[in-house]
Amino acid sequence: MPIEESYREQALGKVQRLGKVLEEELQNLLKEVEEEDLDFGVSASLSGGLLSSLWKECVEDNNYMEVSFVEVMEHHDGAYLKATFRNSTQNYTAERYVSVRSSGRVEISYAFFVERDGVVGRVEREPDGGFKVFLKAK
């Protein structure tokens, strides 16, 4: 059964909403960074209540994502199934990484990418509730 287009558009709208907020935050960070440093990449941190609630709604609780990668890997302790799910618009991409071990252990992580003016920012949530950012020239 195909996904309803309205459901897909709603999910992508969430990605757009978070992307615009993150783009502003990253623009503020870029004002403090030397352009040559972006060739090697720059790490920074973000925090904020609005960003945390948007992240939860727009990335972690966003149910519609397309499968972009699947791999089965054999390890000494059993097989692993790895899958990447993605929501992507022109400048913003939300990704969910799922790893399932043969023991039944499931690991899920998330990343959000913002691309603007030749710079790509990767944002991940920290366990303490803050966010780590990695900025690099494309």
C-alpha atoms as a PDB file:
ATOM      1  CA  MET A   1       0.000   0.000   0.000  1.00  0.00           C
ATOM      2  CA  PRO A   2       1.545   3.358  -1.028  1.00  0.00           C
ATOM      3  CA  ILE A   3       2.082   6.166   1.493  1.00  0.00           C
ATOM      4  CA  GLU A   4      -0.420   9.014   1.280  1.00  0.00           C
ATOM      5  CA  GLU A   5       1.204  12.097  -0.191  1.00  0.00           C
ATOM      6  CA  SER A   6      -0.272  14.328   2.524  1.00  0.00           C
ATOM      7  CA  TYR A   7       1.416  12.204   5.208  1.00  0.00           C
ATOM      8  CA  ARG A   8       4.744  12.507   3.396  1.00  0.00           C
ATOM      9  CA  GLU A   9       4.351  16.278   2.986  1.00  0.00           C
ATOM     10  CA  GLN A  10       3.552  16.661   6.684  1.00  0.00           C
ATOM     11  CA  ALA A  11       6.744  14.774   7.616  1.00  0.00           C
ATOM     12  CA  LEU A  12       8.858  16.840   5.237  1.00  0.00           C
ATOM     13  CA  GLY A  13       7.275  20.013   6.647  1.00  0.00           C
ATOM     14  CA  LYS A  14       8.638  19.038  10.063  1.00  0.00           C
ATOM     15  CA  VAL A  15      12.104  18.659   8.559  1.00  0.00           C
ATOM     16  CA  GLN A  16      11.780  22.116   6.990  1.00  0.00           C
ATOM     17  CA  ARG A  17      10.676  23.660  10.294  1.00  0.00           C
ATOM     18  CA  LEU A  18      13.647  22.284  12.244  1.00  0.00           C
ATOM     19  CA  GLY A  19      16.001  23.021   9.360  1.00  0.00           C
ATOM     20  CA  LYS A  20      15.160  26.719   9.364  1.00  0.00           C
ATOM     21  CA  VAL A  21      15.819  26.993  13.111  1.00  0.00           C
ATOM     22  CA  LEU A  22      19.105  25.085  12.824  1.00  0.00           C
ATOM     23  CA  GLU A  23      20.163  27.115   9.813  1.00  0.00           C
ATOM     24  CA  GLU A  24      19.867  30.314  11.877  1.00  0.00           C
ATOM     25  CA  GLU A  25      21.855  28.765  14.728  1.00  0.00           C
ATOM     26  CA  LEU A  26      24.561  27.545  12.361  1.00  0.00           C
ATOM     27  CA  GLN A  27      24.783  30.939  10.662  1.00  0.00           C
ATOM     28  CA  ASN A  28      25.491  32.469  14.090  1.00  0.00           C
ATOM     29  CA  LEU A  29      28.218  29.873  14.695  1.00  0.00           C
ATOM     30  CA  LEU A  30      29.766  30.534  11.279  1.00  0.00           C
ATOM     31  CA  LYS A  31      30.250  34.224  12.138  1.00  0.00           C
ATOM     32  CA  GLU A  32      32.838  33.145  14.726  1.00  0.00           C
ATOM     33  CA  VAL A  33      34.701  30.659  12.481  1.00  0.00           C
ATOM     34  CA  GLU A  34      37.609  31.381  10.144  1.00  0.00           C
ATOM     35  CA  GLU A  35      36.825  30.300   6.598  1.00  0.00           C
ATOM     36  CA  GLU A  36      40.075  28.287   6.294  1.00  0.00           C
ATOM     37  CA  ASP A  37      39.085  26.221   9.354  1.00  0.00           C
ATOM     38  CA  LEU A  38      36.016  24.961   7.510  1.00  0.00           C
ATOM     39  CA  ASP A  39      38.240  23.056   5.074  1.00  0.00           C
ATOM     40  CA  PHE A  40      39.195  20.682   7.912  1.00  0.00           C
ATOM     41  CA  GLY A  41      35.953  20.986   9.856  1.00  0.00           C
ATOM     42  CA  VAL A  42      34.934  22.739  13.054  1.00  0.00           C
ATOM     43  CA  SER A  43      33.107  21.315  16.070  1.00  0.00           C
ATOM     44  CA  ALA A  44      30.754  23.341  18.240  1.00  0.00           C
ATOM     45  CA  SER A  45      27.881  22.916  20.688  1.00  0.00           C
ATOM     46  CA  LEU A  46      24.308  24.163  20.763  1.00  0.00           C
ATOM     47  CA  SER A  47      21.648  24.132  23.443  1.00  0.00           C
ATOM     48  CA  GLY A  48      18.157  25.428  23.897  1.00  0.00           C
ATOM     49  CA  GLY A  49      14.689  24.384  24.953  1.00  0.00           C
ATOM     50  CA  LEU A  50      13.047  25.219  21.625  1.00  0.00           C
ATOM     51  CA  LEU A  51      15.673  23.271  19.724  1.00  0.00           C
ATOM     52  CA  SER A  52      15.227  20.231  21.985  1.00  0.00           C
ATOM     53  CA  SER A  53      11.453  20.132  21.576  1.00  0.00           C
ATOM     54  CA  LEU A  54      11.679  20.647  17.811  1.00  0.00           C
ATOM     55  CA  TRP A  55      14.302  17.890  17.570  1.00  0.00           C
ATOM     56  CA  LYS A  56      12.050  15.437  19.396  1.00  0.00           C
ATOM     57  CA  GLU A  57       9.031  16.266  17.221  1.00  0.00           C
ATOM     58  CA  CYS A  58      10.751  16.675  13.867  1.00  0.00           C
ATOM     59  CA  VAL A  59      13.449  13.982  14.003  1.00  0.00           C
ATOM     60  CA  GLU A  60      12.907  11.377  16.713  1.00  0.00           C
ATOM     61  CA  ASP A  61       9.089  11.220  16.551  1.00  0.00           C
ATOM     62  CA  ASN A  62       8.805  11.759  12.795  1.00  0.00           C
ATOM     63  CA  ASN A  63       7.241   8.467  11.681  1.00  0.00           C
ATOM     64  CA  TYR A  64       7.577   8.790   7.931  1.00  0.00           C
ATOM     65  CA  MET A  65      11.097   8.199   6.626  1.00  0.00           C
ATOM     66  CA  GLU A  66      12.274   6.520   3.455  1.00  0.00           C
ATOM     67  CA  VAL A  67      14.752   3.635   3.593  1.00  0.00           C
ATOM     68  CA  SER A  68      18.036   4.778   2.087  1.00  0.00           C
ATOM     69  CA  PHE A  69      20.449   2.015   3.123  1.00  0.00           C
ATOM     70  CA  VAL A  70      20.280  -1.588   4.388  1.00  0.00           C
ATOM     71  CA  GLU A  71      23.208  -3.889   5.164  1.00  0.00           C
ATOM     72  CA  VAL A  72      23.640  -7.256   6.869  1.00  0.00           C
ATOM     73  CA  MET A  73      27.054  -7.739   8.464  1.00  0.00           C
ATOM     74  CA  GLU A  74      28.506 -10.885  10.004  1.00  0.00           C
ATOM     75  CA  HIS A  75      30.530 -10.409  13.208  1.00  0.00           C
ATOM     76  CA  HIS A  76      32.202 -12.800  15.637  1.00  0.00           C
ATOM     77  CA  ASP A  77      29.214 -12.456  17.980  1.00  0.00           C
ATOM     78  CA  GLY A  78      26.481 -12.828  15.338  1.00  0.00           C
ATOM     79  CA  ALA A  79      24.838 -10.929  12.525  1.00  0.00           C
ATOM     80  CA  TYR A  80      24.007  -7.237  12.532  1.00  0.00           C
ATOM     81  CA  LEU A  81      21.322  -5.574  10.468  1.00  0.00           C
ATOM     82  CA  LYS A  82      21.971  -1.914   9.773  1.00  0.00           C
ATOM     83  CA  ALA A  83      19.456   0.402   8.173  1.00  0.00           C
ATOM     84  CA  THR A  84      19.380   4.128   7.480  1.00  0.00           C
ATOM     85  CA  PHE A  85      16.086   5.982   7.120  1.00  0.00           C
ATOM     86  CA  ARG A  86      15.978   9.476   5.621  1.00  0.00           C
ATOM     87  CA  ASN A  87      13.736  12.484   5.163  1.00  0.00           C
ATOM     88  CA  SER A  88      15.265  14.968   2.780  1.00  0.00           C
ATOM     89  CA  THR A  89      14.359  18.311   1.283  1.00  0.00           C
ATOM     90  CA  GLN A  90      16.500  20.622  -0.804  1.00  0.00           C
ATOM     91  CA  ASN A  91      18.841  21.851   1.994  1.00  0.00           C
ATOM     92  CA  TYR A  92      17.876  19.689   4.980  1.00  0.00           C
ATOM     93  CA  THR A  93      18.186  15.978   5.700  1.00  0.00           C
ATOM     94  CA  ALA A  94      17.109  14.049   8.790  1.00  0.00           C
ATOM     95  CA  GLU A  95      18.542  10.560   9.215  1.00  0.00           C
ATOM     96  CA  ARG A  96      17.735   7.712  11.590  1.00  0.00           C
ATOM     97  CA  TYR A  97      20.317   4.951  11.989  1.00  0.00           C
ATOM     98  CA  VAL A  98      19.055   1.603  13.265  1.00  0.00           C
ATOM     99  CA  SER A  99      21.310  -1.308  14.183  1.00  0.00           C
ATOM    100  CA  VAL A 100      19.815  -4.651  15.204  1.00  0.00           C
ATOM    101  CA  ARG A 101      22.074  -7.364  16.563  1.00  0.00           C
ATOM    102  CA  SER A 102      21.277 -11.061  16.436  1.00  0.00           C
ATOM    103  CA  SER A 103      21.045 -10.947  20.249  1.00  0.00           C
ATOM    104  CA  GLY A 104      18.019  -8.668  19.862  1.00  0.00           C
ATOM    105  CA  ARG A 105      19.788  -5.500  20.989  1.00  0.00           C
ATOM    106  CA  VAL A 106      18.584  -2.449  19.062  1.00  0.00           C
ATOM    107  CA  GLU A 107      20.511   0.826  18.799  1.00  0.00           C
ATOM    108  CA  ILE A 108      18.975   3.949  17.282  1.00  0.00           C
ATOM    109  CA  SER A 109      20.722   7.238  16.617  1.00  0.00           C
ATOM    110  CA  TYR A 110      19.865  10.372  14.670  1.00  0.00           C
ATOM    111  CA  ALA A 111      21.588  13.111  12.684  1.00  0.00           C
ATOM    112  CA  PHE A 112      20.358  16.237  10.931  1.00  0.00           C
ATOM    113  CA  PHE A 113      22.227  17.857   8.035  1.00  0.00           C
ATOM    114  CA  VAL A 114      21.954  21.482   6.957  1.00  0.00           C
ATOM    115  CA  GLU A 115      23.592  22.655   3.741  1.00  0.00           C
ATOM    116  CA  ARG A 116      24.025  26.327   2.929  1.00  0.00           C
ATOM    117  CA  ASP A 117      26.509  28.411   0.952  1.00  0.00           C
ATOM    118  CA  GLY A 118      28.929  25.528   0.425  1.00  0.00           C
ATOM    119  CA  VAL A 119      28.987  24.530   4.106  1.00  0.00           C
ATOM    120  CA  VAL A 120      27.452  21.343   5.495  1.00  0.00           C
ATOM    121  CA  GLY A 121      26.505  21.137   9.151  1.00  0.00           C
ATOM    122  CA  ARG A 122      25.894  17.803  10.904  1.00  0.00           C
ATOM    123  CA  VAL A 123      23.889  18.063  14.134  1.00  0.00           C
ATOM    124  CA  GLU A 124      23.507  15.247  16.674  1.00  0.00           C
ATOM    125  CA  ARG A 125      21.820  15.209  20.067  1.00  0.00           C
ATOM    126  CA  GLU A 126      24.058  14.644  23.105  1.00  0.00           C
ATOM    127  CA  PRO A 127      22.957  12.444  26.038  1.00  0.00           C
ATOM    128  CA  ASP A 128      22.871  15.551  28.272  1.00  0.00           C
ATOM    129  CA  GLY A 129      20.247  17.184  26.019  1.00  0.00           C
ATOM    130  CA  GLY A 130      22.593  19.555  24.193  1.00  0.00           C
ATOM    131  CA  PHE A 131      23.660  19.247  20.580  1.00  0.00           C
ATOM    132  CA  LYS A 132      27.026  18.752  18.950  1.00  0.00           C
ATOM    133  CA  VAL A 133      27.638  20.324  15.575  1.00  0.00           C
ATOM    134  CA  PHE A 134      30.283  19.630  12.972  1.00  0.00           C
ATOM    135  CA  LEU A 135      30.673  22.233  10.212  1.00  0.00           C
ATOM    136  CA  LYS A 136      32.722  21.558   7.080  1.00  0.00           C
ATOM    137  CA  ALA A 137      33.152  23.183   3.699  1.00  0.00           C
ATOM    138  CA  LYS A 138      31.685  21.082   0.919  1.00  0.00           C
END
